[in-house]
Amino acid sequence: MPHFVEGVAVVHNGIIENFSELRDELTEEGSVFQTQTDTEVVAHLLAKYLPEGLEPRDAMLKLLNRVAGGLAGDAELAAQSAAKESGFVAAQTLSMPSGRVVTIWRRPC
């Protein structure tokens, strides 16, 4: 199910086990949540990072660093911002015996 937060649309496949801690932090900063899902937490994080002036790829990387400890197994994320210059960004994380592999794609609009 896609989530829309402040002009950012996100879809996510996977489990973010530390989403409740991230949600609590975002709530303290003023975010208002409509659901209890980890995907909505991802949408709020990206909506927070993109206005900081980060490029979409860098915002996705910052997001992945924040949730990395809470990712269970493999995960895929895709996001689209209403800001034309942001474009479309997607990421895939894979759990490997040697660690986690992260791939990020970006397509400008």
PDB file of N, CA and C in Angstrom:
ATOM      1  N   MET A   1       0.847  -1.177   0.000  1.00  0.00           N
ATOM      2  CA  MET A   1       0.000   0.000   0.000  1.00  0.00           C
ATOM      3  C   MET A   1       0.894   1.242   0.000  1.00  0.00           C
ATOM      4  N   PRO A   2       0.709   2.141  -0.949  1.00  0.00           N
ATOM      5  CA  PRO A   2       1.516   3.365  -0.963  1.00  0.00           C
ATOM      6  C   PRO A   2       1.101   4.326   0.147  1.00  0.00           C
ATOM      7  N   HIS A   3       2.061   5.094   0.601  1.00  0.00           N
ATOM      8  CA  HIS A   3       1.800   6.136   1.593  1.00  0.00           C
ATOM      9  C   HIS A   3       2.225   7.472   1.009  1.00  0.00           C
ATOM     10  N   PHE A   4       1.442   8.511   1.281  1.00  0.00           N
ATOM     11  CA  PHE A   4       1.699   9.851   0.782  1.00  0.00           C
ATOM     12  C   PHE A   4       1.873  10.787   1.972  1.00  0.00           C
ATOM     13  N   VAL A   5       3.031  11.434   2.052  1.00  0.00           N
ATOM     14  CA  VAL A   5       3.327  12.358   3.143  1.00  0.00           C
ATOM     15  C   VAL A   5       4.007  13.586   2.551  1.00  0.00           C
ATOM     16  N   GLU A   6       3.383  14.744   2.694  1.00  0.00           N
ATOM     17  CA  GLU A   6       3.973  16.011   2.275  1.00  0.00           C
ATOM     18  C   GLU A   6       4.587  15.960   0.871  1.00  0.00           C
ATOM     19  N   GLY A   7       3.826  15.425  -0.070  1.00  0.00           N
ATOM     20  CA  GLY A   7       4.274  15.387  -1.458  1.00  0.00           C
ATOM     21  C   GLY A   7       5.212  14.243  -1.795  1.00  0.00           C
ATOM     22  N   VAL A   8       5.420  13.312  -0.865  1.00  0.00           N
ATOM     23  CA  VAL A   8       6.288  12.158  -1.114  1.00  0.00           C
ATOM     24  C   VAL A   8       5.429  10.896  -1.083  1.00  0.00           C
ATOM     25  N   ALA A   9       5.517  10.104  -2.151  1.00  0.00           N
ATOM     26  CA  ALA A   9       4.812   8.830  -2.220  1.00  0.00           C
ATOM     27  C   ALA A   9       5.833   7.710  -2.067  1.00  0.00           C
ATOM     28  N   VAL A  10       5.515   6.732  -1.224  1.00  0.00           N
ATOM     29  CA  VAL A  10       6.452   5.641  -0.949  1.00  0.00           C
ATOM     30  C   VAL A  10       5.724   4.307  -1.002  1.00  0.00           C
ATOM     31  N   VAL A  11       6.366   3.318  -1.617  1.00  0.00           N
ATOM     32  CA  VAL A  11       5.964   1.919  -1.491  1.00  0.00           C
ATOM     33  C   VAL A  11       7.167   1.165  -0.943  1.00  0.00           C
ATOM     34  N   HIS A  12       6.884   0.103  -0.214  1.00  0.00           N
ATOM     35  CA  HIS A  12       7.946  -0.586   0.509  1.00  0.00           C
ATOM     36  C   HIS A  12       7.584  -2.060   0.634  1.00  0.00           C
ATOM     37  N   ASN A  13       8.557  -2.911   0.459  1.00  0.00           N
ATOM     38  CA  ASN A  13       8.381  -4.340   0.641  1.00  0.00           C
ATOM     39  C   ASN A  13       9.489  -4.807   1.574  1.00  0.00           C
ATOM     40  N   GLY A  14       9.135  -5.290   2.721  1.00  0.00           N
ATOM     41  CA  GLY A  14      10.118  -5.727   3.700  1.00  0.00           C
ATOM     42  C   GLY A  14       9.620  -5.376   5.088  1.00  0.00           C
ATOM     43  N   ILE A  15      10.472  -5.573   6.065  1.00  0.00           N
ATOM     44  CA  ILE A  15      10.106  -5.298   7.447  1.00  0.00           C
ATOM     45  C   ILE A  15      11.168  -4.411   8.075  1.00  0.00           C
ATOM     46  N   ILE A  16      10.728  -3.297   8.666  1.00  0.00           N
ATOM     47  CA  ILE A  16      11.624  -2.419   9.402  1.00  0.00           C
ATOM     48  C   ILE A  16      11.291  -2.613  10.879  1.00  0.00           C
ATOM     49  N   GLU A  17      12.120  -3.384  11.553  1.00  0.00           N
ATOM     50  CA  GLU A  17      11.813  -3.760  12.928  1.00  0.00           C
ATOM     51  C   GLU A  17      11.930  -2.609  13.913  1.00  0.00           C
ATOM     52  N   ASN A  18      12.726  -1.592  13.601  1.00  0.00           N
ATOM     53  CA  ASN A  18      12.890  -0.469  14.530  1.00  0.00           C
ATOM     54  C   ASN A  18      11.974   0.709  14.184  1.00  0.00           C
ATOM     55  N   PHE A  19      10.905   0.446  13.422  1.00  0.00           N
ATOM     56  CA  PHE A  19      10.057   1.554  12.981  1.00  0.00           C
ATOM     57  C   PHE A  19       9.361   2.248  14.143  1.00  0.00           C
ATOM     58  N   SER A  20       9.051   1.539  15.226  1.00  0.00           N
ATOM     59  CA  SER A  20       8.337   2.195  16.322  1.00  0.00           C
ATOM     60  C   SER A  20       9.216   3.230  17.018  1.00  0.00           C
ATOM     61  N   GLU A  21      10.519   2.962  17.144  1.00  0.00           N
ATOM     62  CA  GLU A  21      11.433   3.947  17.719  1.00  0.00           C
ATOM     63  C   GLU A  21      11.557   5.166  16.811  1.00  0.00           C
ATOM     64  N   LEU A  22      11.662   4.917  15.508  1.00  0.00           N
ATOM     65  CA  LEU A  22      11.734   6.018  14.543  1.00  0.00           C
ATOM     66  C   LEU A  22      10.430   6.813  14.543  1.00  0.00           C
ATOM     67  N   ARG A  23       9.327   6.107  14.638  1.00  0.00           N
ATOM     68  CA  ARG A  23       8.016   6.767  14.679  1.00  0.00           C
ATOM     69  C   ARG A  23       7.910   7.672  15.906  1.00  0.00           C
ATOM     70  N   ASP A  24       8.354   7.170  17.066  1.00  0.00           N
ATOM     71  CA  ASP A  24       8.313   7.979  18.290  1.00  0.00           C
ATOM     72  C   ASP A  24       9.140   9.252  18.130  1.00  0.00           C
ATOM     73  N   GLU A  25      10.318   9.110  17.536  1.00  0.00           N
ATOM     74  CA  GLU A  25      11.187  10.267  17.305  1.00  0.00           C
ATOM     75  C   GLU A  25      10.514  11.283  16.382  1.00  0.00           C
ATOM     76  N   LEU A  26       9.928  10.793  15.290  1.00  0.00           N
ATOM     77  CA  LEU A  26       9.258  11.681  14.341  1.00  0.00           C
ATOM     78  C   LEU A  26       8.026  12.340  14.963  1.00  0.00           C
ATOM     79  N   THR A  27       7.306  11.610  15.798  1.00  0.00           N
ATOM     80  CA  THR A  27       6.135  12.171  16.474  1.00  0.00           C
ATOM     81  C   THR A  27       6.556  13.313  17.393  1.00  0.00           C
ATOM     82  N   GLU A  28       7.670  13.124  18.103  1.00  0.00           N
ATOM     83  CA  GLU A  28       8.188  14.187  18.969  1.00  0.00           C
ATOM     84  C   GLU A  28       8.562  15.428  18.168  1.00  0.00           C
ATOM     85  N   GLU A  29       8.953  15.235  16.896  1.00  0.00           N
ATOM     86  CA  GLU A  29       9.315  16.355  16.021  1.00  0.00           C
ATOM     87  C   GLU A  29       8.101  16.983  15.345  1.00  0.00           C
ATOM     88  N   GLY A  30       6.912  16.409  15.584  1.00  0.00           N
ATOM     89  CA  GLY A  30       5.701  17.006  15.037  1.00  0.00           C
ATOM     90  C   GLY A  30       5.015  16.231  13.932  1.00  0.00           C
ATOM     91  N   SER A  31       5.554  15.102  13.513  1.00  0.00           N
ATOM     92  CA  SER A  31       4.893  14.302  12.473  1.00  0.00           C
ATOM     93  C   SER A  31       3.600  13.705  13.014  1.00  0.00           C
ATOM     94  N   VAL A  32       2.591  13.666  12.146  1.00  0.00           N
ATOM     95  CA  VAL A  32       1.304  13.074  12.503  1.00  0.00           C
ATOM     96  C   VAL A  32       1.092  11.865  11.601  1.00  0.00           C
ATOM     97  N   PHE A  33       0.835  10.720  12.202  1.00  0.00           N
ATOM     98  CA  PHE A  33       0.692   9.472  11.457  1.00  0.00           C
ATOM     99  C   PHE A  33      -0.763   9.075  11.327  1.00  0.00           C
ATOM    100  N   GLN A  34      -1.088   8.484  10.176  1.00  0.00           N
ATOM    101  CA  GLN A  34      -2.452   8.028   9.889  1.00  0.00           C
ATOM    102  C   GLN A  34      -2.595   6.526  10.111  1.00  0.00           C
ATOM    103  N   THR A  35      -1.473   5.789  10.107  1.00  0.00           N
ATOM    104  CA  THR A  35      -1.511   4.328  10.237  1.00  0.00           C
ATOM    105  C   THR A  35      -0.447   3.895  11.243  1.00  0.00           C
ATOM    106  N   GLN A  36      -0.345   2.602  11.425  1.00  0.00           N
ATOM    107  CA  GLN A  36       0.657   2.011  12.318  1.00  0.00           C
ATOM    108  C   GLN A  36       1.720   1.254  11.514  1.00  0.00           C
ATOM    109  N   THR A  37       1.946   1.636  10.256  1.00  0.00           N
ATOM    110  CA  THR A  37       2.818   0.852   9.380  1.00  0.00           C
ATOM    111  C   THR A  37       4.243   1.392   9.330  1.00  0.00           C
ATOM    112  N   ASP A  38       5.167   0.485   9.056  1.00  0.00           N
ATOM    113  CA  ASP A  38       6.556   0.900   8.891  1.00  0.00           C
ATOM    114  C   ASP A  38       6.748   1.685   7.601  1.00  0.00           C
ATOM    115  N   THR A  39       5.921   1.436   6.597  1.00  0.00           N
ATOM    116  CA  THR A  39       6.033   2.177   5.337  1.00  0.00           C
ATOM    117  C   THR A  39       5.744   3.654   5.541  1.00  0.00           C
ATOM    118  N   GLU A  40       4.780   3.973   6.376  1.00  0.00           N
ATOM    119  CA  GLU A  40       4.476   5.384   6.621  1.00  0.00           C
ATOM    120  C   GLU A  40       5.650   6.072   7.315  1.00  0.00           C
ATOM    121  N   VAL A  41       6.368   5.350   8.168  1.00  0.00           N
ATOM    122  CA  VAL A  41       7.565   5.915   8.809  1.00  0.00           C
ATOM    123  C   VAL A  41       8.598   6.261   7.740  1.00  0.00           C
ATOM    124  N   VAL A  42       8.777   5.386   6.754  1.00  0.00           N
ATOM    125  CA  VAL A  42       9.703   5.644   5.645  1.00  0.00           C
ATOM    126  C   VAL A  42       9.296   6.918   4.908  1.00  0.00           C
ATOM    127  N   ALA A  43       7.999   7.060   4.633  1.00  0.00           N
ATOM    128  CA  ALA A  43       7.510   8.246   3.926  1.00  0.00           C
ATOM    129  C   ALA A  43       7.796   9.515   4.736  1.00  0.00           C
ATOM    130  N   HIS A  44       7.581   9.471   6.025  1.00  0.00           N
ATOM    131  CA  HIS A  44       7.843  10.641   6.871  1.00  0.00           C
ATOM    132  C   HIS A  44       9.332  10.975   6.905  1.00  0.00           C
ATOM    133  N   LEU A  45      10.189   9.955   6.961  1.00  0.00           N
ATOM    134  CA  LEU A  45      11.632  10.215   6.960  1.00  0.00           C
ATOM    135  C   LEU A  45      12.070  10.882   5.665  1.00  0.00           C
ATOM    136  N   LEU A  46      11.593  10.365   4.528  1.00  0.00           N
ATOM    137  CA  LEU A  46      11.964  10.982   3.249  1.00  0.00           C
ATOM    138  C   LEU A  46      11.396  12.395   3.134  1.00  0.00           C
ATOM    139  N   ALA A  47      10.176  12.591   3.599  1.00  0.00           N
ATOM    140  CA  ALA A  47       9.588  13.939   3.567  1.00  0.00           C
ATOM    141  C   ALA A  47      10.394  14.896   4.447  1.00  0.00           C
ATOM    142  N   LYS A  48      11.036  14.378   5.455  1.00  0.00           N
ATOM    143  CA  LYS A  48      11.893  15.192   6.321  1.00  0.00           C
ATOM    144  C   LYS A  48      13.233  15.489   5.644  1.00  0.00           C
ATOM    145  N   TYR A  49      13.830  14.498   4.993  1.00  0.00           N
ATOM    146  CA  TYR A  49      15.175  14.651   4.433  1.00  0.00           C
ATOM    147  C   TYR A  49      15.210  15.447   3.126  1.00  0.00           C
ATOM    148  N   LEU A  50      14.222  15.301   2.268  1.00  0.00           N
ATOM    149  CA  LEU A  50      14.263  15.992   0.975  1.00  0.00           C
ATOM    150  C   LEU A  50      14.283  17.515   1.116  1.00  0.00           C
ATOM    151  N   PRO A  51      13.482  18.115   2.001  1.00  0.00           N
ATOM    152  CA  PRO A  51      13.549  19.576   2.152  1.00  0.00           C
ATOM    153  C   PRO A  51      14.864  20.076   2.765  1.00  0.00           C
ATOM    154  N   GLU A  52      15.668  19.181   3.334  1.00  0.00           N
ATOM    155  CA  GLU A  52      16.964  19.573   3.891  1.00  0.00           C
ATOM    156  C   GLU A  52      17.965  19.909   2.788  1.00  0.00           C
ATOM    157  N   GLY A  53      17.533  19.752   1.530  1.00  0.00           N
ATOM    158  CA  GLY A  53      18.404  20.058   0.409  1.00  0.00           C
ATOM    159  C   GLY A  53      19.189  18.861  -0.094  1.00  0.00           C
ATOM    160  N   LEU A  54      18.891  17.686   0.426  1.00  0.00           N
ATOM    161  CA  LEU A  54      19.586  16.487  -0.035  1.00  0.00           C
ATOM    162  C   LEU A  54      19.080  16.069  -1.415  1.00  0.00           C
ATOM    163  N   GLU A  55      19.985  15.583  -2.237  1.00  0.00           N
ATOM    164  CA  GLU A  55      19.582  14.975  -3.499  1.00  0.00           C
ATOM    165  C   GLU A  55      18.769  13.717  -3.164  1.00  0.00           C
ATOM    166  N   PRO A  56      17.846  13.298  -4.033  1.00  0.00           N
ATOM    167  CA  PRO A  56      17.028  12.119  -3.732  1.00  0.00           C
ATOM    168  C   PRO A  56      17.850  10.886  -3.381  1.00  0.00           C
ATOM    169  N   ARG A  57      18.950  10.656  -4.099  1.00  0.00           N
ATOM    170  CA  ARG A  57      19.805   9.505  -3.800  1.00  0.00           C
ATOM    171  C   ARG A  57      20.375   9.605  -2.393  1.00  0.00           C
ATOM    172  N   ASP A  58      20.830  10.808  -2.014  1.00  0.00           N
ATOM    173  CA  ASP A  58      21.404  11.010  -0.689  1.00  0.00           C
ATOM    174  C   ASP A  58      20.346  10.901   0.404  1.00  0.00           C
ATOM    175  N   ALA A  59      19.126  11.371   0.113  1.00  0.00           N
ATOM    176  CA  ALA A  59      18.036  11.241   1.077  1.00  0.00           C
ATOM    177  C   ALA A  59      17.706   9.770   1.305  1.00  0.00           C
ATOM    178  N   MET A  60      17.696   8.975   0.227  1.00  0.00           N
ATOM    179  CA  MET A  60      17.431   7.543   0.353  1.00  0.00           C
ATOM    180  C   MET A  60      18.550   6.862   1.145  1.00  0.00           C
ATOM    181  N   LEU A  61      19.787   7.237   0.881  1.00  0.00           N
ATOM    182  CA  LEU A  61      20.907   6.651   1.612  1.00  0.00           C
ATOM    183  C   LEU A  61      20.840   7.008   3.099  1.00  0.00           C
ATOM    184  N   LYS A  62      20.495   8.243   3.416  1.00  0.00           N
ATOM    185  CA  LYS A  62      20.348   8.660   4.809  1.00  0.00           C
ATOM    186  C   LYS A  62      19.222   7.864   5.471  1.00  0.00           C
ATOM    187  N   LEU A  63      18.126   7.684   4.747  1.00  0.00           N
ATOM    188  CA  LEU A  63      17.019   6.891   5.255  1.00  0.00           C
ATOM    189  C   LEU A  63      17.467   5.463   5.546  1.00  0.00           C
ATOM    190  N   LEU A  64      18.172   4.859   4.595  1.00  0.00           N
ATOM    191  CA  LEU A  64      18.627   3.477   4.777  1.00  0.00           C
ATOM    192  C   LEU A  64      19.588   3.360   5.956  1.00  0.00           C
ATOM    193  N   ASN A  65      20.424   4.356   6.152  1.00  0.00           N
ATOM    194  CA  ASN A  65      21.325   4.333   7.302  1.00  0.00           C
ATOM    195  C   ASN A  65      20.544   4.401   8.613  1.00  0.00           C
ATOM    196  N   ARG A  66      19.456   5.147   8.630  1.00  0.00           N
ATOM    197  CA  ARG A  66      18.643   5.262   9.848  1.00  0.00           C
ATOM    198  C   ARG A  66      17.910   3.963  10.163  1.00  0.00           C
ATOM    199  N   VAL A  67      17.451   3.258   9.139  1.00  0.00           N
ATOM    200  CA  VAL A  67      16.664   2.047   9.376  1.00  0.00           C
ATOM    201  C   VAL A  67      17.500   0.774   9.272  1.00  0.00           C
ATOM    202  N   ALA A  68      18.767   0.893   8.908  1.00  0.00           N
ATOM    203  CA  ALA A  68      19.592  -0.284   8.617  1.00  0.00           C
ATOM    204  C   ALA A  68      19.589  -1.307   9.737  1.00  0.00           C
ATOM    205  N   GLY A  69      19.721  -0.861  10.964  1.00  0.00           N
ATOM    206  CA  GLY A  69      19.733  -1.801  12.071  1.00  0.00           C
ATOM    207  C   GLY A  69      18.416  -2.505  12.263  1.00  0.00           C
ATOM    208  N   GLY A  70      17.350  -1.931  11.706  1.00  0.00           N
ATOM    209  CA  GLY A  70      16.034  -2.511  11.892  1.00  0.00           C
ATOM    210  C   GLY A  70      15.511  -3.274  10.693  1.00  0.00           C
ATOM    211  N   LEU A  71      16.295  -3.344   9.616  1.00  0.00           N
ATOM    212  CA  LEU A  71      15.839  -4.082   8.443  1.00  0.00           C
ATOM    213  C   LEU A  71      15.955  -5.579   8.701  1.00  0.00           C
ATOM    214  N   ALA A  72      14.873  -6.277   8.502  1.00  0.00           N
ATOM    215  CA  ALA A  72      14.870  -7.724   8.673  1.00  0.00           C
ATOM    216  C   ALA A  72      14.915  -8.362   7.290  1.00  0.00           C
ATOM    217  N   GLY A  73      16.003  -9.032   6.966  1.00  0.00           N
ATOM    218  CA  GLY A  73      16.119  -9.672   5.664  1.00  0.00           C
ATOM    219  C   GLY A  73      16.277  -8.669   4.542  1.00  0.00           C
ATOM    220  N   ASP A  74      15.698  -8.984   3.401  1.00  0.00           N
ATOM    221  CA  ASP A  74      15.793  -8.133   2.225  1.00  0.00           C
ATOM    222  C   ASP A  74      14.646  -7.130   2.218  1.00  0.00           C
ATOM    223  N   ALA A  75      14.874  -5.989   1.549  1.00  0.00           N
ATOM    224  CA  ALA A  75      13.825  -4.974   1.475  1.00  0.00           C
ATOM    225  C   ALA A  75      13.968  -4.184   0.184  1.00  0.00           C
ATOM    226  N   GLU A  76      12.846  -3.686  -0.310  1.00  0.00           N
ATOM    227  CA  GLU A  76      12.818  -2.810  -1.470  1.00  0.00           C
ATOM    228  C   GLU A  76      11.993  -1.582  -1.118  1.00  0.00           C
ATOM    229  N   LEU A  77      12.462  -0.427  -1.583  1.00  0.00           N
ATOM    230  CA  LEU A  77      11.765   0.841  -1.361  1.00  0.00           C
ATOM    231  C   LEU A  77      11.712   1.592  -2.680  1.00  0.00           C
ATOM    232  N   ALA A  78      10.626   2.288  -2.921  1.00  0.00           N
ATOM    233  CA  ALA A  78      10.529   3.175  -4.075  1.00  0.00           C
ATOM    234  C   ALA A  78       9.804   4.428  -3.632  1.00  0.00           C
ATOM    235  N   ALA A  79      10.290   5.579  -4.104  1.00  0.00           N
ATOM    236  CA  ALA A  79       9.687   6.853  -3.701  1.00  0.00           C
ATOM    237  C   ALA A  79       9.641   7.805  -4.881  1.00  0.00           C
ATOM    238  N   GLN A  80       8.608   8.621  -4.886  1.00  0.00           N
ATOM    239  CA  GLN A  80       8.425   9.664  -5.882  1.00  0.00           C
ATOM    240  C   GLN A  80       8.041  10.924  -5.138  1.00  0.00           C
ATOM    241  N   SER A  81       8.708  12.017  -5.448  1.00  0.00           N
ATOM    242  CA  SER A  81       8.376  13.292  -4.816  1.00  0.00           C
ATOM    243  C   SER A  81       7.601  14.153  -5.795  1.00  0.00           C
ATOM    244  N   ALA A  82       6.700  14.953  -5.259  1.00  0.00           N
ATOM    245  CA  ALA A  82       5.940  15.878  -6.104  1.00  0.00           C
ATOM    246  C   ALA A  82       6.844  16.968  -6.668  1.00  0.00           C
ATOM    247  N   ALA A  83       7.979  17.218  -6.012  1.00  0.00           N
ATOM    248  CA  ALA A  83       8.935  18.202  -6.520  1.00  0.00           C
ATOM    249  C   ALA A  83       9.569  17.634  -7.778  1.00  0.00           C
ATOM    250  N   LYS A  84       9.359  18.305  -8.908  1.00  0.00           N
ATOM    251  CA  LYS A  84       9.803  17.784 -10.199  1.00  0.00           C
ATOM    252  C   LYS A  84      11.287  17.437 -10.213  1.00  0.00           C
ATOM    253  N   GLU A  85      12.125  18.243  -9.564  1.00  0.00           N
ATOM    254  CA  GLU A  85      13.556  17.993  -9.609  1.00  0.00           C
ATOM    255  C   GLU A  85      13.972  16.749  -8.826  1.00  0.00           C
ATOM    256  N   SER A  86      13.092  16.252  -7.963  1.00  0.00           N
ATOM    257  CA  SER A  86      13.444  15.087  -7.147  1.00  0.00           C
ATOM    258  C   SER A  86      13.403  13.797  -7.941  1.00  0.00           C
ATOM    259  N   GLY A  87      12.469  13.662  -8.862  1.00  0.00           N
ATOM    260  CA  GLY A  87      12.380  12.462  -9.668  1.00  0.00           C
ATOM    261  C   GLY A  87      11.947  11.251  -8.870  1.00  0.00           C
ATOM    262  N   PHE A  88      12.347  10.095  -9.354  1.00  0.00           N
ATOM    263  CA  PHE A  88      11.976   8.811  -8.781  1.00  0.00           C
ATOM    264  C   PHE A  88      13.237   8.167  -8.243  1.00  0.00           C
ATOM    265  N   VAL A  89      13.160   7.602  -7.045  1.00  0.00           N
ATOM    266  CA  VAL A  89      14.322   6.931  -6.474  1.00  0.00           C
ATOM    267  C   VAL A  89      13.868   5.594  -5.887  1.00  0.00           C
ATOM    268  N   ALA A  90      14.689   4.582  -6.072  1.00  0.00           N
ATOM    269  CA  ALA A  90      14.381   3.248  -5.552  1.00  0.00           C
ATOM    270  C   ALA A  90      15.639   2.659  -4.935  1.00  0.00           C
ATOM    271  N   ALA A  91      15.421   1.753  -3.987  1.00  0.00           N
ATOM    272  CA  ALA A  91      16.559   1.099  -3.336  1.00  0.00           C
ATOM    273  C   ALA A  91      16.207  -0.348  -3.054  1.00  0.00           C
ATOM    274  N   GLN A  92      17.235  -1.167  -3.074  1.00  0.00           N
ATOM    275  CA  GLN A  92      17.084  -2.573  -2.714  1.00  0.00           C
ATOM    276  C   GLN A  92      18.210  -2.923  -1.755  1.00  0.00           C
ATOM    277  N   THR A  93      17.871  -3.591  -0.676  1.00  0.00           N
ATOM    278  CA  THR A  93      18.894  -4.065   0.252  1.00  0.00           C
ATOM    279  C   THR A  93      18.813  -5.582   0.297  1.00  0.00           C
ATOM    280  N   LEU A  94      19.964  -6.206   0.276  1.00  0.00           N
ATOM    281  CA  LEU A  94      20.040  -7.663   0.313  1.00  0.00           C
ATOM    282  C   LEU A  94      20.941  -8.086   1.465  1.00  0.00           C
ATOM    283  N   SER A  95      20.471  -9.046   2.246  1.00  0.00           N
ATOM    284  CA  SER A  95      21.286  -9.602   3.321  1.00  0.00           C
ATOM    285  C   SER A  95      22.181 -10.681   2.728  1.00  0.00           C
ATOM    286  N   MET A  96      23.482 -10.514   2.913  1.00  0.00           N
ATOM    287  CA  MET A  96      24.456 -11.468   2.404  1.00  0.00           C
ATOM    288  C   MET A  96      25.268 -11.992   3.587  1.00  0.00           C
ATOM    289  N   PRO A  97      25.905 -13.141   3.453  1.00  0.00           N
ATOM    290  CA  PRO A  97      26.732 -13.651   4.555  1.00  0.00           C
ATOM    291  C   PRO A  97      27.818 -12.658   4.978  1.00  0.00           C
ATOM    292  N   SER A  98      28.303 -11.859   4.032  1.00  0.00           N
ATOM    293  CA  SER A  98      29.374 -10.906   4.340  1.00  0.00           C
ATOM    294  C   SER A  98      28.847  -9.552   4.805  1.00  0.00           C
ATOM    295  N   GLY A  99      27.528  -9.365   4.824  1.00  0.00           N
ATOM    296  CA  GLY A  99      26.943  -8.087   5.234  1.00  0.00           C
ATOM    297  C   GLY A  99      25.777  -7.714   4.347  1.00  0.00           C
ATOM    298  N   ARG A 100      25.389  -6.460   4.396  1.00  0.00           N
ATOM    299  CA  ARG A 100      24.245  -5.976   3.630  1.00  0.00           C
ATOM    300  C   ARG A 100      24.723  -5.263   2.368  1.00  0.00           C
ATOM    301  N   VAL A 101      24.093  -5.572   1.242  1.00  0.00           N
ATOM    302  CA  VAL A 101      24.382  -4.921  -0.035  1.00  0.00           C
ATOM    303  C   VAL A 101      23.229  -3.978  -0.341  1.00  0.00           C
ATOM    304  N   VAL A 102      23.555  -2.730  -0.688  1.00  0.00           N
ATOM    305  CA  VAL A 102      22.534  -1.725  -0.986  1.00  0.00           C
ATOM    306  C   VAL A 102      22.735  -1.224  -2.410  1.00  0.00           C
ATOM    307  N   THR A 103      21.654  -1.186  -3.179  1.00  0.00           N
ATOM    308  CA  THR A 103      21.661  -0.624  -4.521  1.00  0.00           C
ATOM    309  C   THR A 103      20.613   0.476  -4.571  1.00  0.00           C
ATOM    310  N   ILE A 104      20.979   1.641  -5.112  1.00  0.00           N
ATOM    311  CA  ILE A 104      20.055   2.769  -5.225  1.00  0.00           C
ATOM    312  C   ILE A 104      19.986   3.209  -6.685  1.00  0.00           C
ATOM    313  N   TRP A 105      18.778   3.378  -7.197  1.00  0.00           N
ATOM    314  CA  TRP A 105      18.550   3.869  -8.555  1.00  0.00           C
ATOM    315  C   TRP A 105      17.845   5.213  -8.469  1.00  0.00           C
ATOM    316  N   ARG A 106      18.134   6.071  -9.426  1.00  0.00           N
ATOM    317  CA  ARG A 106      17.421   7.353  -9.509  1.00  0.00           C
ATOM    318  C   ARG A 106      17.116   7.644 -10.971  1.00  0.00           C
ATOM    319  N   ARG A 107      15.885   8.082 -11.211  1.00  0.00           N
ATOM    320  CA  ARG A 107      15.475   8.517 -12.553  1.00  0.00           C
ATOM    321  C   ARG A 107      14.889   9.899 -12.425  1.00  0.00           C
ATOM    322  N   PRO A 108      15.511  10.898 -13.050  1.00  0.00           N
ATOM    323  CA  PRO A 108      14.930  12.243 -13.006  1.00  0.00           C
ATOM    324  C   PRO A 108      13.609  12.285 -13.767  1.00  0.00           C
ATOM    325  N   CYS A 109      12.752  13.189 -13.372  1.00  0.00           N
ATOM    326  CA  CYS A 109      11.473  13.364 -14.097  1.00  0.00           C
ATOM    327  C   CYS A 109      11.643  14.361 -15.210  1.00  0.00           C
TER     328      CYS A 109
END
